[in-house]
Amino acid sequence: MVGILEYLRQHQIPLVSYRENIDLSTCTGKMLAGMFTLMAEYERNIISERTKAGLRAARARGRQMGRSRRQDARRQGVSQAQPRPYGGNAPGRPSPRWVAV
């Protein structure tokens, strides 16, 4: 949002919301845009903190994250999948129902 507002400001394009009665070309509108930006950043940081706290709590309970080791062991001896002719998928995956020509 900040990038869009900066682009509009550089090109002298006023942004007016008639529904919310906000004109971003005025001092009050600029202040509201700044507050909205800060609130969005705050919300993004809160989500990040909660996610990290949840991951730490899961690790403390002994929960393992990521791919299981069993899958890794199966993949060790398998080389990169070779592409199939006519648009087929990698081995072990279903083939597409149609092929674009």
C-alpha atoms as a PDB file:
ATOM      1  CA  MET A   1       0.000   0.000   0.000  1.00  0.00           C
ATOM      2  CA  VAL A   2       2.850   2.336   0.801  1.00  0.00           C
ATOM      3  CA  GLY A   3       4.328   1.817  -2.665  1.00  0.00           C
ATOM      4  CA  ILE A   4       1.006   2.574  -4.328  1.00  0.00           C
ATOM      5  CA  LEU A   5       0.492   5.729  -2.295  1.00  0.00           C
ATOM      6  CA  GLU A   6       4.033   6.883  -3.046  1.00  0.00           C
ATOM      7  CA  TYR A   7       3.518   6.246  -6.781  1.00  0.00           C
ATOM      8  CA  LEU A   8       0.284   8.241  -6.760  1.00  0.00           C
ATOM      9  CA  ARG A   9       1.945  11.072  -4.834  1.00  0.00           C
ATOM     10  CA  GLN A  10       4.900  11.224  -7.262  1.00  0.00           C
ATOM     11  CA  HIS A  11       2.582  11.407 -10.248  1.00  0.00           C
ATOM     12  CA  GLN A  12       0.322  13.946  -8.521  1.00  0.00           C
ATOM     13  CA  ILE A  13      -2.730  11.689  -8.687  1.00  0.00           C
ATOM     14  CA  PRO A  14      -5.171  12.418  -5.858  1.00  0.00           C
ATOM     15  CA  LEU A  15      -6.791   9.411  -4.187  1.00  0.00           C
ATOM     16  CA  VAL A  16     -10.253  10.086  -2.806  1.00  0.00           C
ATOM     17  CA  SER A  17     -12.581   7.544  -1.231  1.00  0.00           C
ATOM     18  CA  TYR A  18     -16.132   8.860  -1.336  1.00  0.00           C
ATOM     19  CA  ARG A  19     -17.540   5.948   0.660  1.00  0.00           C
ATOM     20  CA  GLU A  20     -15.214   6.533   3.638  1.00  0.00           C
ATOM     21  CA  ASN A  21     -14.930  10.281   2.962  1.00  0.00           C
ATOM     22  CA  ILE A  22     -11.122  10.202   2.880  1.00  0.00           C
ATOM     23  CA  ASP A  23      -9.105  12.494   0.637  1.00  0.00           C
ATOM     24  CA  LEU A  24      -5.435  11.501   0.730  1.00  0.00           C
ATOM     25  CA  SER A  25      -4.327  14.779  -0.793  1.00  0.00           C
ATOM     26  CA  THR A  26      -5.197  16.660   2.436  1.00  0.00           C
ATOM     27  CA  CYS A  27      -3.250  16.719   5.696  1.00  0.00           C
ATOM     28  CA  THR A  28      -5.927  14.665   7.453  1.00  0.00           C
ATOM     29  CA  GLY A  29      -5.966  12.109   4.638  1.00  0.00           C
ATOM     30  CA  LYS A  30      -2.183  11.775   4.745  1.00  0.00           C
ATOM     31  CA  MET A  31      -2.356  11.265   8.499  1.00  0.00           C
ATOM     32  CA  LEU A  32      -4.998   8.544   8.094  1.00  0.00           C
ATOM     33  CA  ALA A  33      -2.928   6.828   5.391  1.00  0.00           C
ATOM     34  CA  GLY A  34       0.051   6.834   7.755  1.00  0.00           C
ATOM     35  CA  MET A  35      -2.073   5.386  10.559  1.00  0.00           C
ATOM     36  CA  PHE A  36      -3.445   2.659   8.258  1.00  0.00           C
ATOM     37  CA  THR A  37       0.101   1.793   7.214  1.00  0.00           C
ATOM     38  CA  LEU A  38       1.264   1.570  10.826  1.00  0.00           C
ATOM     39  CA  MET A  39      -1.733  -0.567  11.784  1.00  0.00           C
ATOM     40  CA  ALA A  40      -1.054  -2.954   8.883  1.00  0.00           C
ATOM     41  CA  GLU A  41       2.617  -3.243   9.891  1.00  0.00           C
ATOM     42  CA  TYR A  42       1.606  -3.835  13.517  1.00  0.00           C
ATOM     43  CA  GLU A  43      -0.824  -6.583  12.499  1.00  0.00           C
ATOM     44  CA  ARG A  44       1.821  -8.240  10.304  1.00  0.00           C
ATOM     45  CA  ASN A  45       4.322  -8.192  13.200  1.00  0.00           C
ATOM     46  CA  ILE A  46       1.761  -9.629  15.650  1.00  0.00           C
ATOM     47  CA  ILE A  47       1.019 -12.517  13.247  1.00  0.00           C
ATOM     48  CA  SER A  48       4.739 -13.192  12.857  1.00  0.00           C
ATOM     49  CA  GLU A  49       5.340 -13.164  16.621  1.00  0.00           C
ATOM     50  CA  ARG A  50       2.418 -15.517  17.274  1.00  0.00           C
ATOM     51  CA  THR A  51       3.571 -17.908  14.571  1.00  0.00           C
ATOM     52  CA  LYS A  52       7.112 -18.005  15.974  1.00  0.00           C
ATOM     53  CA  ALA A  53       5.786 -18.497  19.511  1.00  0.00           C
ATOM     54  CA  GLY A  54       3.577 -21.360  18.323  1.00  0.00           C
ATOM     55  CA  LEU A  55       6.505 -23.050  16.589  1.00  0.00           C
ATOM     56  CA  ARG A  56       8.669 -22.696  19.717  1.00  0.00           C
ATOM     57  CA  ALA A  57       5.885 -24.164  21.864  1.00  0.00           C
ATOM     58  CA  ALA A  58       5.428 -27.079  19.462  1.00  0.00           C
ATOM     59  CA  ARG A  59       9.168 -27.803  19.503  1.00  0.00           C
ATOM     60  CA  ALA A  60       9.152 -27.656  23.325  1.00  0.00           C
ATOM     61  CA  ARG A  61       6.379 -30.296  23.318  1.00  0.00           C
ATOM     62  CA  GLY A  62       8.582 -32.494  21.128  1.00  0.00           C
ATOM     63  CA  ARG A  63       6.814 -31.881  17.829  1.00  0.00           C
ATOM     64  CA  GLN A  64       9.149 -32.274  14.861  1.00  0.00           C
ATOM     65  CA  MET A  65       8.813 -29.800  12.019  1.00  0.00           C
ATOM     66  CA  GLY A  66       9.498 -30.274   8.339  1.00  0.00           C
ATOM     67  CA  ARG A  67       9.683 -33.305   6.107  1.00  0.00           C
ATOM     68  CA  SER A  68       9.792 -36.676   7.825  1.00  0.00           C
ATOM     69  CA  ARG A  69      13.104 -38.526   7.784  1.00  0.00           C
ATOM     70  CA  ARG A  70      11.432 -41.521   6.203  1.00  0.00           C
ATOM     71  CA  GLN A  71      10.708 -39.519   3.060  1.00  0.00           C
ATOM     72  CA  ASP A  72      14.282 -38.267   2.984  1.00  0.00           C
ATOM     73  CA  ALA A  73      15.631 -41.845   3.220  1.00  0.00           C
ATOM     74  CA  ARG A  74      13.430 -42.917   0.316  1.00  0.00           C
ATOM     75  CA  ARG A  75      14.636 -40.032  -1.812  1.00  0.00           C
ATOM     76  CA  GLN A  76      18.370 -40.564  -1.212  1.00  0.00           C
ATOM     77  CA  GLY A  77      18.802 -43.179  -3.928  1.00  0.00           C
ATOM     78  CA  VAL A  78      16.429 -41.503  -6.398  1.00  0.00           C
ATOM     79  CA  SER A  79      17.962 -39.170  -8.945  1.00  0.00           C
ATOM     80  CA  GLN A  80      16.156 -36.201 -10.417  1.00  0.00           C
ATOM     81  CA  ALA A  81      12.980 -37.232 -12.214  1.00  0.00           C
ATOM     82  CA  GLN A  82      13.368 -37.245 -15.974  1.00  0.00           C
ATOM     83  CA  PRO A  83      10.679 -35.437 -17.940  1.00  0.00           C
ATOM     84  CA  ARG A  84       8.270 -37.736 -19.727  1.00  0.00           C
ATOM     85  CA  PRO A  85       7.310 -37.242 -23.358  1.00  0.00           C
ATOM     86  CA  TYR A  86       3.932 -35.665 -24.091  1.00  0.00           C
ATOM     87  CA  GLY A  87       3.695 -33.754 -20.838  1.00  0.00           C
ATOM     88  CA  GLY A  88       3.710 -36.644 -18.327  1.00  0.00           C
ATOM     89  CA  ASN A  89       4.425 -35.891 -14.683  1.00  0.00           C
ATOM     90  CA  ALA A  90       7.239 -37.184 -12.476  1.00  0.00           C
ATOM     91  CA  PRO A  91       7.200 -40.884 -11.503  1.00  0.00           C
ATOM     92  CA  GLY A  92       4.656 -41.684  -8.835  1.00  0.00           C
ATOM     93  CA  ARG A  93       2.391 -38.791  -9.718  1.00  0.00           C
ATOM     94  CA  PRO A  94      -0.785 -39.114 -11.737  1.00  0.00           C
ATOM     95  CA  SER A  95      -0.597 -38.209 -15.385  1.00  0.00           C
ATOM     96  CA  PRO A  96      -2.529 -35.204 -16.649  1.00  0.00           C
ATOM     97  CA  ARG A  97      -5.914 -35.841 -18.258  1.00  0.00           C
ATOM     98  CA  TRP A  98      -5.046 -33.795 -21.333  1.00  0.00           C
ATOM     99  CA  VAL A  99      -1.968 -32.671 -23.159  1.00  0.00           C
ATOM    100  CA  ALA A 100      -1.689 -29.296 -24.868  1.00  0.00           C
ATOM    101  CA  VAL A 101      -0.281 -29.584 -28.372  1.00  0.00           C
END
